[in-house]
Amino acid sequence: LGHSPDLVFFPWLDIYLSEYLTYHLVDIIFPY
């Protein structure tokens, strides 16, 4: 597309959350 999204919205956020997962790791992987 040539442009990044201003916001990514997950209609099913459940599978992206976990008690043992920290945001530091996620930020490295997911920059949006």
Full PDB file with SEQRES, HELIX, SHEET, SSBOND, CRYST1, ORIGX, SCALE, CONECT and MASTER records, all heavy atoms in Angstrom:
SEQRES   1 A   32  LEU GLY HIS SER PRO ASP LEU VAL PHE PHE PRO TRP LEU          
SEQRES   2 A   32  ASP ILE TYR LEU SER GLU TYR LEU THR TYR HIS LEU VAL          
SEQRES   3 A   32  ASP ILE ILE PHE PRO TYR                                      
HELIX    1 AA1 LEU A   13  TYR A   16  5                                   4    
HELIX    2 AA2 TYR A   23  ILE A   29  1                                   7    
CRYST1    1.000    1.000    1.000  90.00  90.00  90.00 P 1           1          
ORIGX1      1.000000  0.000000  0.000000        0.00000                         
ORIGX2      0.000000  1.000000  0.000000        0.00000                         
ORIGX3      0.000000  0.000000  1.000000        0.00000                         
SCALE1      1.000000  0.000000  0.000000        0.00000                         
SCALE2      0.000000  1.000000  0.000000        0.00000                         
SCALE3      0.000000  0.000000  1.000000        0.00000                         
ATOM      1  N   LEU A   1       0.811  -1.222   0.000  1.00  0.00           N  
ATOM      2  CA  LEU A   1       0.000   0.000   0.000  1.00  0.00           C  
ATOM      3  C   LEU A   1       0.842   1.268   0.000  1.00  0.00           C  
ATOM      4  O   LEU A   1       0.399   2.321  -0.454  1.00  0.00           O  
ATOM      5  CB  LEU A   1      -0.929   0.010   1.230  1.00  0.00           C  
ATOM      6  CG  LEU A   1      -2.028  -1.052   1.268  1.00  0.00           C  
ATOM      7  CD1 LEU A   1      -2.805  -0.947   2.580  1.00  0.00           C  
ATOM      8  CD2 LEU A   1      -2.976  -0.894   0.085  1.00  0.00           C  
ATOM      9  N   GLY A   2       2.026   1.178   0.580  1.00  0.00           N  
ATOM     10  CA  GLY A   2       2.889   2.351   0.625  1.00  0.00           C  
ATOM     11  C   GLY A   2       2.687   3.234   1.830  1.00  0.00           C  
ATOM     12  O   GLY A   2       3.287   4.298   1.927  1.00  0.00           O  
ATOM     13  N   HIS A   3       1.823   2.831   2.769  1.00  0.00           N  
ATOM     14  CA  HIS A   3       1.647   3.610   3.997  1.00  0.00           C  
ATOM     15  C   HIS A   3       1.290   2.683   5.152  1.00  0.00           C  
ATOM     16  O   HIS A   3       0.703   1.624   4.955  1.00  0.00           O  
ATOM     17  CB  HIS A   3       0.551   4.671   3.835  1.00  0.00           C  
ATOM     18  CG  HIS A   3      -0.788   4.098   3.494  1.00  0.00           C  
ATOM     19  ND1 HIS A   3      -1.224   3.986   2.196  1.00  0.00           N  
ATOM     20  CD2 HIS A   3      -1.791   3.607   4.276  1.00  0.00           C  
ATOM     21  CE1 HIS A   3      -2.435   3.450   2.180  1.00  0.00           C  
ATOM     22  NE2 HIS A   3      -2.800   3.208   3.429  1.00  0.00           N  
ATOM     23  N   SER A   4       1.680   3.090   6.363  1.00  0.00           N  
ATOM     24  CA  SER A   4       1.407   2.299   7.555  1.00  0.00           C  
ATOM     25  C   SER A   4       0.052   2.673   8.138  1.00  0.00           C  
ATOM     26  O   SER A   4      -0.425   3.802   7.961  1.00  0.00           O  
ATOM     27  CB  SER A   4       2.492   2.536   8.612  1.00  0.00           C  
ATOM     28  OG  SER A   4       3.730   2.028   8.183  1.00  0.00           O  
ATOM     29  N   PRO A   5      -0.592   1.739   8.845  1.00  0.00           N  
ATOM     30  CA  PRO A   5      -1.860   2.079   9.494  1.00  0.00           C  
ATOM     31  C   PRO A   5      -1.634   3.023  10.665  1.00  0.00           C  
ATOM     32  O   PRO A   5      -0.596   2.966  11.337  1.00  0.00           O  
ATOM     33  CB  PRO A   5      -2.376   0.721   9.969  1.00  0.00           C  
ATOM     34  CG  PRO A   5      -1.150  -0.115  10.150  1.00  0.00           C  
ATOM     35  CD  PRO A   5      -0.208   0.335   9.066  1.00  0.00           C  
ATOM     36  N   ASP A   6      -2.599   3.885  10.903  1.00  0.00           N  
ATOM     37  CA  ASP A   6      -2.533   4.751  12.084  1.00  0.00           C  
ATOM     38  C   ASP A   6      -2.927   3.993  13.347  1.00  0.00           C  
ATOM     39  O   ASP A   6      -2.527   4.365  14.454  1.00  0.00           O  
ATOM     40  CB  ASP A   6      -3.465   5.949  11.892  1.00  0.00           C  
ATOM     41  CG  ASP A   6      -3.013   6.820  10.734  1.00  0.00           C  
ATOM     42  OD1 ASP A   6      -2.056   7.591  10.936  1.00  0.00           O  
ATOM     43  OD2 ASP A   6      -3.584   6.716   9.639  1.00  0.00           O  
ATOM     44  N   LEU A   7      -3.711   2.920  13.160  1.00  0.00           N  
ATOM     45  CA  LEU A   7      -4.100   2.080  14.285  1.00  0.00           C  
ATOM     46  C   LEU A   7      -4.444   0.689  13.764  1.00  0.00           C  
ATOM     47  O   LEU A   7      -5.127   0.547  12.759  1.00  0.00           O  
ATOM     48  CB  LEU A   7      -5.323   2.656  15.016  1.00  0.00           C  
ATOM     49  CG  LEU A   7      -5.803   1.859  16.239  1.00  0.00           C  
ATOM     50  CD1 LEU A   7      -4.861   2.092  17.423  1.00  0.00           C  
ATOM     51  CD2 LEU A   7      -7.234   2.229  16.619  1.00  0.00           C  
ATOM     52  N   VAL A   8      -3.941  -0.325  14.470  1.00  0.00           N  
ATOM     53  CA  VAL A   8      -4.356  -1.701  14.221  1.00  0.00           C  
ATOM     54  C   VAL A   8      -5.362  -2.083  15.302  1.00  0.00           C  
ATOM     55  O   VAL A   8      -5.096  -1.927  16.495  1.00  0.00           O  
ATOM     56  CB  VAL A   8      -3.157  -2.672  14.249  1.00  0.00           C  
ATOM     57  CG1 VAL A   8      -3.635  -4.117  14.090  1.00  0.00           C  
ATOM     58  CG2 VAL A   8      -2.155  -2.310  13.172  1.00  0.00           C  
ATOM     59  N   PHE A   9      -6.522  -2.572  14.869  1.00  0.00           N  
ATOM     60  CA  PHE A   9      -7.557  -2.989  15.827  1.00  0.00           C  
ATOM     61  C   PHE A   9      -7.800  -4.484  15.657  1.00  0.00           C  
ATOM     62  O   PHE A   9      -8.090  -4.959  14.555  1.00  0.00           O  
ATOM     63  CB  PHE A   9      -8.860  -2.222  15.600  1.00  0.00           C  
ATOM     64  CG  PHE A   9      -9.883  -2.461  16.683  1.00  0.00           C  
ATOM     65  CD1 PHE A   9      -9.885  -1.683  17.839  1.00  0.00           C  
ATOM     66  CD2 PHE A   9     -10.831  -3.472  16.557  1.00  0.00           C  
ATOM     67  CE1 PHE A   9     -10.816  -1.912  18.841  1.00  0.00           C  
ATOM     68  CE2 PHE A   9     -11.761  -3.695  17.547  1.00  0.00           C  
ATOM     69  CZ  PHE A   9     -11.758  -2.926  18.697  1.00  0.00           C  
ATOM     70  N   PHE A  10      -7.659  -5.220  16.773  1.00  0.00           N  
ATOM     71  CA  PHE A  10      -7.877  -6.661  16.783  1.00  0.00           C  
ATOM     72  C   PHE A  10      -9.300  -6.942  17.270  1.00  0.00           C  
ATOM     73  O   PHE A  10      -9.588  -6.775  18.469  1.00  0.00           O  
ATOM     74  CB  PHE A  10      -6.881  -7.356  17.704  1.00  0.00           C  
ATOM     75  CG  PHE A  10      -5.440  -7.226  17.273  1.00  0.00           C  
ATOM     76  CD1 PHE A  10      -4.617  -6.265  17.848  1.00  0.00           C  
ATOM     77  CD2 PHE A  10      -4.908  -8.063  16.298  1.00  0.00           C  
ATOM     78  CE1 PHE A  10      -3.293  -6.141  17.465  1.00  0.00           C  
ATOM     79  CE2 PHE A  10      -3.583  -7.943  15.905  1.00  0.00           C  
ATOM     80  CZ  PHE A  10      -2.775  -6.975  16.489  1.00  0.00           C  
ATOM     81  N   PRO A  11     -10.207  -7.381  16.395  1.00  0.00           N  
ATOM     82  CA  PRO A  11     -11.572  -7.685  16.835  1.00  0.00           C  
ATOM     83  C   PRO A  11     -11.655  -8.878  17.783  1.00  0.00           C  
ATOM     84  O   PRO A  11     -12.701  -9.105  18.391  1.00  0.00           O  
ATOM     85  CB  PRO A  11     -12.314  -7.987  15.531  1.00  0.00           C  
ATOM     86  CG  PRO A  11     -11.516  -7.301  14.469  1.00  0.00           C  
ATOM     87  CD  PRO A  11     -10.101  -7.435  14.934  1.00  0.00           C  
ATOM     88  N   TRP A  12     -10.566  -9.647  17.893  1.00  0.00           N  
ATOM     89  CA  TRP A  12     -10.505 -10.775  18.838  1.00  0.00           C  
ATOM     90  C   TRP A  12      -9.146 -10.700  19.517  1.00  0.00           C  
ATOM     91  O   TRP A  12      -8.180 -11.325  19.115  1.00  0.00           O  
ATOM     92  CB  TRP A  12     -10.699 -12.103  18.109  1.00  0.00           C  
ATOM     93  CG  TRP A  12     -10.699 -13.313  18.990  1.00  0.00           C  
ATOM     94  CD1 TRP A  12      -9.650 -14.155  19.226  1.00  0.00           C  
ATOM     95  CD2 TRP A  12     -11.793 -13.842  19.753  1.00  0.00           C  
ATOM     96  NE1 TRP A  12     -10.015 -15.165  20.078  1.00  0.00           N  
ATOM     97  CE2 TRP A  12     -11.327 -15.006  20.419  1.00  0.00           C  
ATOM     98  CE3 TRP A  12     -13.113 -13.443  19.934  1.00  0.00           C  
ATOM     99  CZ2 TRP A  12     -12.150 -15.765  21.253  1.00  0.00           C  
ATOM    100  CZ3 TRP A  12     -13.928 -14.200  20.771  1.00  0.00           C  
ATOM    101  CH2 TRP A  12     -13.454 -15.339  21.414  1.00  0.00           C  
ATOM    102  N   LEU A  13      -9.075  -9.909  20.588  1.00  0.00           N  
ATOM    103  CA  LEU A  13      -7.801  -9.645  21.248  1.00  0.00           C  
ATOM    104  C   LEU A  13      -7.353 -10.806  22.131  1.00  0.00           C  
ATOM    105  O   LEU A  13      -6.180 -10.888  22.501  1.00  0.00           O  
ATOM    106  CB  LEU A  13      -7.923  -8.362  22.085  1.00  0.00           C  
ATOM    107  CG  LEU A  13      -6.647  -7.790  22.698  1.00  0.00           C  
ATOM    108  CD1 LEU A  13      -5.626  -7.438  21.630  1.00  0.00           C  
ATOM    109  CD2 LEU A  13      -6.976  -6.550  23.536  1.00  0.00           C  
ATOM    110  N   ASP A  14      -8.250 -11.692  22.451  1.00  0.00           N  
ATOM    111  CA  ASP A  14      -7.989 -12.744  23.436  1.00  0.00           C  
ATOM    112  C   ASP A  14      -6.698 -13.517  23.176  1.00  0.00           C  
ATOM    113  O   ASP A  14      -5.945 -13.814  24.110  1.00  0.00           O  
ATOM    114  CB  ASP A  14      -9.157 -13.730  23.476  1.00  0.00           C  
ATOM    115  CG  ASP A  14     -10.469 -13.069  23.851  1.00  0.00           C  
ATOM    116  OD1 ASP A  14     -10.765 -11.993  23.297  1.00  0.00           O  
ATOM    117  OD2 ASP A  14     -11.214 -13.625  24.682  1.00  0.00           O  
ATOM    118  N   ILE A  15      -6.452 -13.872  21.903  1.00  0.00           N  
ATOM    119  CA  ILE A  15      -5.311 -14.738  21.608  1.00  0.00           C  
ATOM    120  C   ILE A  15      -3.981 -13.995  21.669  1.00  0.00           C  
ATOM    121  O   ILE A  15      -2.921 -14.615  21.542  1.00  0.00           O  
ATOM    122  CB  ILE A  15      -5.462 -15.408  20.227  1.00  0.00           C  
ATOM    123  CG1 ILE A  15      -5.631 -14.360  19.129  1.00  0.00           C  
ATOM    124  CG2 ILE A  15      -6.625 -16.380  20.215  1.00  0.00           C  
ATOM    125  CD1 ILE A  15      -5.693 -14.956  17.720  1.00  0.00           C  
ATOM    126  N   TYR A  16      -4.016 -12.682  21.900  1.00  0.00           N  
ATOM    127  CA  TYR A  16      -2.780 -11.896  21.957  1.00  0.00           C  
ATOM    128  C   TYR A  16      -2.375 -11.565  23.394  1.00  0.00           C  
ATOM    129  O   TYR A  16      -1.354 -10.904  23.606  1.00  0.00           O  
ATOM    130  CB  TYR A  16      -2.944 -10.601  21.155  1.00  0.00           C  
ATOM    131  CG  TYR A  16      -3.242 -10.860  19.703  1.00  0.00           C  
ATOM    132  CD1 TYR A  16      -4.552 -10.964  19.241  1.00  0.00           C  
ATOM    133  CD2 TYR A  16      -2.212 -11.034  18.786  1.00  0.00           C  
ATOM    134  CE1 TYR A  16      -4.830 -11.221  17.906  1.00  0.00           C  
ATOM    135  CE2 TYR A  16      -2.475 -11.298  17.452  1.00  0.00           C  
ATOM    136  CZ  TYR A  16      -3.789 -11.395  17.024  1.00  0.00           C  
ATOM    137  OH  TYR A  16      -4.062 -11.666  15.709  1.00  0.00           O  
ATOM    138  N   LEU A  17      -3.145 -12.002  24.357  1.00  0.00           N  
ATOM    139  CA  LEU A  17      -2.890 -11.670  25.758  1.00  0.00           C  
ATOM    140  C   LEU A  17      -2.556 -12.925  26.553  1.00  0.00           C  
ATOM    141  O   LEU A  17      -3.094 -13.996  26.305  1.00  0.00           O  
ATOM    142  CB  LEU A  17      -4.114 -10.981  26.382  1.00  0.00           C  
ATOM    143  CG  LEU A  17      -4.616  -9.706  25.692  1.00  0.00           C  
ATOM    144  CD1 LEU A  17      -5.787  -9.129  26.459  1.00  0.00           C  
ATOM    145  CD2 LEU A  17      -3.502  -8.673  25.557  1.00  0.00           C  
ATOM    146  N   SER A  18      -1.660 -12.772  27.517  1.00  0.00           N  
ATOM    147  CA  SER A  18      -1.301 -13.877  28.394  1.00  0.00           C  
ATOM    148  C   SER A  18      -0.674 -13.319  29.665  1.00  0.00           C  
ATOM    149  O   SER A  18       0.029 -12.292  29.641  1.00  0.00           O  
ATOM    150  CB  SER A  18      -0.313 -14.819  27.709  1.00  0.00           C  
ATOM    151  OG  SER A  18       0.172 -15.782  28.618  1.00  0.00           O  
ATOM    152  N   GLU A  19      -0.899 -14.018  30.780  1.00  0.00           N  
ATOM    153  CA  GLU A  19      -0.373 -13.548  32.063  1.00  0.00           C  
ATOM    154  C   GLU A  19       1.151 -13.462  32.083  1.00  0.00           C  
ATOM    155  O   GLU A  19       1.726 -12.626  32.769  1.00  0.00           O  
ATOM    156  CB  GLU A  19      -0.832 -14.481  33.200  1.00  0.00           C  
ATOM    157  CG  GLU A  19      -2.298 -14.364  33.548  1.00  0.00           C  
ATOM    158  CD  GLU A  19      -3.172 -15.258  32.681  1.00  0.00           C  
ATOM    159  OE1 GLU A  19      -2.641 -15.869  31.719  1.00  0.00           O  
ATOM    160  OE2 GLU A  19      -4.382 -15.351  32.950  1.00  0.00           O  
ATOM    161  N   TYR A  20       1.821 -14.348  31.347  1.00  0.00           N  
ATOM    162  CA  TYR A  20       3.289 -14.399  31.407  1.00  0.00           C  
ATOM    163  C   TYR A  20       3.968 -13.643  30.261  1.00  0.00           C  
ATOM    164  O   TYR A  20       5.175 -13.746  30.080  1.00  0.00           O  
ATOM    165  CB  TYR A  20       3.754 -15.859  31.396  1.00  0.00           C  
ATOM    166  CG  TYR A  20       3.419 -16.607  32.659  1.00  0.00           C  
ATOM    167  CD1 TYR A  20       2.244 -17.331  32.756  1.00  0.00           C  
ATOM    168  CD2 TYR A  20       4.274 -16.584  33.761  1.00  0.00           C  
ATOM    169  CE1 TYR A  20       1.914 -18.024  33.913  1.00  0.00           C  
ATOM    170  CE2 TYR A  20       3.962 -17.270  34.920  1.00  0.00           C  
ATOM    171  CZ  TYR A  20       2.780 -17.989  34.991  1.00  0.00           C  
ATOM    172  OH  TYR A  20       2.463 -18.668  36.140  1.00  0.00           O  
ATOM    173  N   LEU A  21       3.199 -12.887  29.494  1.00  0.00           N  
ATOM    174  CA  LEU A  21       3.765 -12.160  28.360  1.00  0.00           C  
ATOM    175  C   LEU A  21       3.897 -10.682  28.707  1.00  0.00           C  
ATOM    176  O   LEU A  21       2.930 -10.045  29.111  1.00  0.00           O  
ATOM    177  CB  LEU A  21       2.860 -12.332  27.132  1.00  0.00           C  
ATOM    178  CG  LEU A  21       3.362 -11.737  25.823  1.00  0.00           C  
ATOM    179  CD1 LEU A  21       4.662 -12.410  25.394  1.00  0.00           C  
ATOM    180  CD2 LEU A  21       2.305 -11.900  24.738  1.00  0.00           C  
ATOM    181  N   THR A  22       5.089 -10.132  28.559  1.00  0.00           N  
ATOM    182  CA  THR A  22       5.316  -8.729  28.880  1.00  0.00           C  
ATOM    183  C   THR A  22       5.302  -7.880  27.612  1.00  0.00           C  
ATOM    184  O   THR A  22       5.570  -8.366  26.507  1.00  0.00           O  
ATOM    185  CB  THR A  22       6.668  -8.524  29.578  1.00  0.00           C  
ATOM    186  OG1 THR A  22       7.725  -8.773  28.644  1.00  0.00           O  
ATOM    187  CG2 THR A  22       6.812  -9.474  30.766  1.00  0.00           C  
ATOM    188  N   TYR A  23       5.017  -6.604  27.795  1.00  0.00           N  
ATOM    189  CA  TYR A  23       4.932  -5.718  26.635  1.00  0.00           C  
ATOM    190  C   TYR A  23       6.301  -5.458  26.015  1.00  0.00           C  
ATOM    191  O   TYR A  23       6.395  -5.085  24.843  1.00  0.00           O  
ATOM    192  CB  TYR A  23       4.251  -4.405  27.020  1.00  0.00           C  
ATOM    193  CG  TYR A  23       5.086  -3.455  27.830  1.00  0.00           C  
ATOM    194  CD1 TYR A  23       5.916  -2.531  27.208  1.00  0.00           C  
ATOM    195  CD2 TYR A  23       5.029  -3.457  29.223  1.00  0.00           C  
ATOM    196  CE1 TYR A  23       6.676  -1.634  27.939  1.00  0.00           C  
ATOM    197  CE2 TYR A  23       5.781  -2.558  29.961  1.00  0.00           C  
ATOM    198  CZ  TYR A  23       6.603  -1.650  29.327  1.00  0.00           C  
ATOM    199  OH  TYR A  23       7.345  -0.771  30.053  1.00  0.00           O  
ATOM    200  N   HIS A  24       7.381  -5.656  26.766  1.00  0.00           N  
ATOM    201  CA  HIS A  24       8.709  -5.402  26.217  1.00  0.00           C  
ATOM    202  C   HIS A  24       8.976  -6.302  25.005  1.00  0.00           C  
ATOM    203  O   HIS A  24       9.503  -5.850  23.973  1.00  0.00           O  
ATOM    204  CB  HIS A  24       9.770  -5.657  27.289  1.00  0.00           C  
ATOM    205  CG  HIS A  24       9.563  -4.876  28.548  1.00  0.00           C  
ATOM    206  ND1 HIS A  24       8.772  -5.353  29.577  1.00  0.00           N  
ATOM    207  CD2 HIS A  24      10.003  -3.658  28.937  1.00  0.00           C  
ATOM    208  CE1 HIS A  24       8.751  -4.452  30.554  1.00  0.00           C  
ATOM    209  NE2 HIS A  24       9.485  -3.415  30.181  1.00  0.00           N  
ATOM    210  N   LEU A  25       8.601  -7.574  25.128  1.00  0.00           N  
ATOM    211  CA  LEU A  25       8.773  -8.497  24.011  1.00  0.00           C  
ATOM    212  C   LEU A  25       7.864  -8.118  22.840  1.00  0.00           C  
ATOM    213  O   LEU A  25       8.281  -8.137  21.685  1.00  0.00           O  
ATOM    214  CB  LEU A  25       8.464  -9.925  24.462  1.00  0.00           C  
ATOM    215  CG  LEU A  25       9.549 -10.658  25.241  1.00  0.00           C  
ATOM    216  CD1 LEU A  25       9.011 -11.982  25.764  1.00  0.00           C  
ATOM    217  CD2 LEU A  25      10.774 -10.889  24.371  1.00  0.00           C  
ATOM    218  N   VAL A  26       6.629  -7.790  23.151  1.00  0.00           N  
ATOM    219  CA  VAL A  26       5.660  -7.459  22.106  1.00  0.00           C  
ATOM    220  C   VAL A  26       6.099  -6.222  21.341  1.00  0.00           C  
ATOM    221  O   VAL A  26       5.979  -6.152  20.111  1.00  0.00           O  
ATOM    222  CB  VAL A  26       4.260  -7.266  22.710  1.00  0.00           C  
ATOM    223  CG1 VAL A  26       3.279  -6.735  21.659  1.00  0.00           C  
ATOM    224  CG2 VAL A  26       3.743  -8.580  23.278  1.00  0.00           C  
ATOM    225  N   ASP A  27       6.634  -5.238  22.037  1.00  0.00           N  
ATOM    226  CA  ASP A  27       7.058  -4.002  21.374  1.00  0.00           C  
ATOM    227  C   ASP A  27       8.180  -4.244  20.364  1.00  0.00           C  
ATOM    228  O   ASP A  27       8.267  -3.566  19.337  1.00  0.00           O  
ATOM    229  CB  ASP A  27       7.519  -2.977  22.414  1.00  0.00           C  
ATOM    230  CG  ASP A  27       6.358  -2.312  23.116  1.00  0.00           C  
ATOM    231  OD1 ASP A  27       5.207  -2.538  22.695  1.00  0.00           O  
ATOM    232  OD2 ASP A  27       6.596  -1.558  24.077  1.00  0.00           O  
ATOM    233  N   ILE A  28       9.048  -5.204  20.673  1.00  0.00           N  
ATOM    234  CA  ILE A  28      10.128  -5.534  19.748  1.00  0.00           C  
ATOM    235  C   ILE A  28       9.556  -6.130  18.461  1.00  0.00           C  
ATOM    236  O   ILE A  28      10.016  -5.838  17.351  1.00  0.00           O  
ATOM    237  CB  ILE A  28      11.115  -6.524  20.402  1.00  0.00           C  
ATOM    238  CG1 ILE A  28      11.824  -5.854  21.589  1.00  0.00           C  
ATOM    239  CG2 ILE A  28      12.129  -7.038  19.382  1.00  0.00           C  
ATOM    240  CD1 ILE A  28      12.663  -6.811  22.406  1.00  0.00           C  
ATOM    241  N   ILE A  29       8.514  -6.952  18.613  1.00  0.00           N  
ATOM    242  CA  ILE A  29       7.935  -7.675  17.483  1.00  0.00           C  
ATOM    243  C   ILE A  29       6.923  -6.841  16.719  1.00  0.00           C  
ATOM    244  O   ILE A  29       6.877  -6.866  15.482  1.00  0.00           O  
ATOM    245  CB  ILE A  29       7.268  -8.973  17.985  1.00  0.00           C  
ATOM    246  CG1 ILE A  29       8.321  -9.908  18.561  1.00  0.00           C  
ATOM    247  CG2 ILE A  29       6.468  -9.658  16.874  1.00  0.00           C  
ATOM    248  CD1 ILE A  29       7.737 -11.110  19.270  1.00  0.00           C  
ATOM    249  N   PHE A  30       6.112  -6.065  17.461  1.00  0.00           N  
ATOM    250  CA  PHE A  30       4.959  -5.389  16.864  1.00  0.00           C  
ATOM    251  C   PHE A  30       5.094  -3.878  17.048  1.00  0.00           C  
ATOM    252  O   PHE A  30       4.819  -3.342  18.127  1.00  0.00           O  
ATOM    253  CB  PHE A  30       3.664  -5.899  17.518  1.00  0.00           C  
ATOM    254  CG  PHE A  30       2.428  -5.566  16.742  1.00  0.00           C  
ATOM    255  CD1 PHE A  30       2.019  -6.381  15.694  1.00  0.00           C  
ATOM    256  CD2 PHE A  30       1.665  -4.449  17.048  1.00  0.00           C  
ATOM    257  CE1 PHE A  30       0.868  -6.091  14.967  1.00  0.00           C  
ATOM    258  CE2 PHE A  30       0.531  -4.145  16.336  1.00  0.00           C  
ATOM    259  CZ  PHE A  30       0.129  -4.967  15.294  1.00  0.00           C  
ATOM    260  N   PRO A  31       5.497  -3.138  16.012  1.00  0.00           N  
ATOM    261  CA  PRO A  31       5.815  -1.712  16.164  1.00  0.00           C  
ATOM    262  C   PRO A  31       4.642  -0.763  15.913  1.00  0.00           C  
ATOM    263  O   PRO A  31       4.835   0.454  15.882  1.00  0.00           O  
ATOM    264  CB  PRO A  31       6.890  -1.510  15.101  1.00  0.00           C  
ATOM    265  CG  PRO A  31       6.499  -2.447  14.009  1.00  0.00           C  
ATOM    266  CD  PRO A  31       5.901  -3.650  14.692  1.00  0.00           C  
ATOM    267  N   TYR A  32       3.429  -1.298  15.734  1.00  0.00           N  
ATOM    268  CA  TYR A  32       2.297  -0.459  15.336  1.00  0.00           C  
ATOM    269  C   TYR A  32       1.431  -0.084  16.549  1.00  0.00           C  
ATOM    270  O   TYR A  32       1.333  -0.834  17.525  1.00  0.00           O  
ATOM    271  CB  TYR A  32       1.420  -1.189  14.312  1.00  0.00           C  
ATOM    272  CG  TYR A  32       2.180  -1.681  13.114  1.00  0.00           C  
ATOM    273  CD1 TYR A  32       2.557  -3.020  13.006  1.00  0.00           C  
ATOM    274  CD2 TYR A  32       2.534  -0.809  12.088  1.00  0.00           C  
ATOM    275  CE1 TYR A  32       3.258  -3.477  11.903  1.00  0.00           C  
ATOM    276  CE2 TYR A  32       3.236  -1.263  10.980  1.00  0.00           C  
ATOM    277  CZ  TYR A  32       3.607  -2.596  10.901  1.00  0.00           C  
ATOM    278  OH  TYR A  32       4.309  -3.047   9.816  1.00  0.00           O  
TER     279      TYR A  32                                                      
MASTER        0    0    0    2    0    0    0    6  278    1    0    3          
END                                                                             
